[in-house]
Amino acid sequence: MRDKAQALIIAKFNIMKYQDLKTRTLKFAASVWKLCDDLPNKYSYNAYSNQLIRSSSSVDANYRAALRGKSTADFINKLKIVEEEADETCYFLELLIEVNPNL
């Protein structure tokens, strides 16, 4: 009985961790979107702003897809996509800071 209770607690904790990251990735995408809305309305910023919105929202969308993975391998593969999109978002944020340190 005790092992079953422990397994249930661990499962509930894991679900809470997944939900926490699900919420955080959504907030991250929304924060980047708001940042892009505050960028100067210049042609030179538009392409980067659009790409930032796409890659940051892709982090959230692909994380949610990973949670629906059909197997452990599928889950891991989809998390790799999340990692790539997060890295791409970081690149474009770093580029914005490099171009305009006053942001």
Protein backbone atom coordinates (compact mmCIF):
# COMPACT_ATOMS: atom_id res chain seq x y z
CA MET A 1 0.00 0.00 0.00
CA ARG A 2 2.81 2.40 0.87
CA ASP A 3 4.57 1.86 -2.49
CA LYS A 4 1.34 2.64 -4.32
CA ALA A 5 0.90 5.86 -2.32
CA GLN A 6 4.50 6.89 -3.01
CA ALA A 7 4.05 6.21 -6.72
CA LEU A 8 0.89 8.32 -6.72
CA ILE A 9 2.67 11.20 -4.99
CA ILE A 10 5.59 11.02 -7.43
CA ALA A 11 3.22 10.95 -10.41
CA LYS A 12 1.31 13.96 -9.07
CA PHE A 13 4.59 15.83 -8.49
CA ASN A 14 5.73 15.08 -12.05
CA ILE A 15 2.44 16.37 -13.45
CA MET A 16 2.86 19.55 -11.42
CA LYS A 17 6.38 20.03 -12.84
CA TYR A 18 5.08 19.57 -16.40
CA GLN A 19 2.24 22.02 -15.75
CA ASP A 20 4.69 24.53 -14.24
CA LEU A 21 6.89 24.42 -17.32
CA LYS A 22 3.81 24.60 -19.54
CA THR A 23 2.80 27.82 -17.77
CA ARG A 24 6.34 29.22 -17.88
CA THR A 25 6.79 28.58 -21.60
CA LEU A 26 3.47 30.34 -22.28
CA LYS A 27 4.51 33.33 -20.17
CA PHE A 28 7.89 33.39 -21.93
CA ALA A 29 6.22 33.56 -25.36
CA ALA A 30 3.86 36.31 -24.16
CA SER A 31 6.77 38.30 -22.69
CA VAL A 32 8.74 38.12 -25.93
CA TRP A 33 5.64 39.19 -27.88
CA LYS A 34 5.23 42.23 -25.60
CA LEU A 35 8.92 43.05 -26.01
CA CYS A 36 8.54 42.92 -29.79
CA ASP A 37 5.55 45.26 -29.60
CA ASP A 38 7.81 47.79 -27.86
CA LEU A 39 10.57 47.63 -30.48
CA PRO A 40 10.97 50.60 -32.82
CA ASN A 41 8.65 50.37 -35.80
CA LYS A 42 11.44 50.23 -38.38
CA TYR A 43 11.94 47.92 -41.31
CA SER A 44 15.25 46.70 -39.87
CA TYR A 45 13.54 45.42 -36.72
CA ASN A 46 10.52 43.79 -38.39
CA ALA A 47 12.18 40.58 -39.63
CA TYR A 48 13.89 39.97 -36.30
CA SER A 49 10.78 40.82 -34.33
CA ASN A 50 8.71 38.38 -36.39
CA GLN A 51 11.31 35.65 -35.99
CA LEU A 52 11.50 36.24 -32.25
CA ILE A 53 7.74 35.86 -31.92
CA ARG A 54 7.78 32.68 -34.02
CA SER A 55 10.65 31.00 -32.21
CA SER A 56 9.50 31.92 -28.69
CA SER A 57 5.94 30.74 -29.33
CA SER A 58 7.37 27.59 -30.89
CA VAL A 59 9.05 26.79 -27.56
CA ASP A 60 5.62 26.65 -25.93
CA ALA A 61 3.86 24.89 -28.80
CA ASN A 62 6.52 22.20 -29.11
CA TYR A 63 6.67 21.66 -25.35
CA ARG A 64 2.94 21.01 -25.37
CA ALA A 65 3.43 18.63 -28.30
CA ALA A 66 6.16 16.82 -26.35
CA LEU A 67 3.72 16.24 -23.49
CA ARG A 68 1.54 14.38 -25.99
CA GLY A 69 4.48 12.27 -27.20
CA LYS A 70 3.56 8.75 -28.23
CA SER A 71 6.66 7.21 -26.69
CA THR A 72 9.67 8.18 -24.60
CA ALA A 73 11.74 8.54 -27.77
CA ASP A 74 9.08 10.79 -29.31
CA PHE A 75 8.94 12.88 -26.12
CA ILE A 76 12.74 13.31 -26.11
CA ASN A 77 12.82 14.16 -29.81
CA LYS A 78 10.19 16.86 -29.35
CA LEU A 79 12.07 18.26 -26.35
CA LYS A 80 15.13 18.60 -28.59
CA ILE A 81 13.03 20.81 -30.88
CA VAL A 82 12.04 22.88 -27.84
CA GLU A 83 15.72 23.25 -26.97
CA GLU A 84 16.58 24.36 -30.53
CA GLU A 85 13.78 26.93 -30.60
CA ALA A 86 14.79 28.28 -27.19
CA ASP A 87 18.39 28.61 -28.38
CA GLU A 88 17.23 30.41 -31.54
CA THR A 89 15.17 32.80 -29.42
CA CYS A 90 18.21 33.50 -27.24
CA TYR A 91 20.27 34.23 -30.34
CA PHE A 92 17.80 36.82 -31.61
CA LEU A 93 17.51 38.41 -28.16
CA GLU A 94 21.31 38.64 -27.96
CA LEU A 95 21.39 40.14 -31.44
CA LEU A 96 18.84 42.79 -30.46
CA ILE A 97 20.93 43.72 -27.43
CA GLU A 98 24.06 43.86 -29.58
CA VAL A 99 22.39 46.18 -32.10
CA ASN A 100 20.62 48.31 -29.52
CA PRO A 101 22.08 48.04 -25.99
CA ASN A 102 19.49 50.53 -24.72
CA LEU A 103 16.61 48.08 -25.08
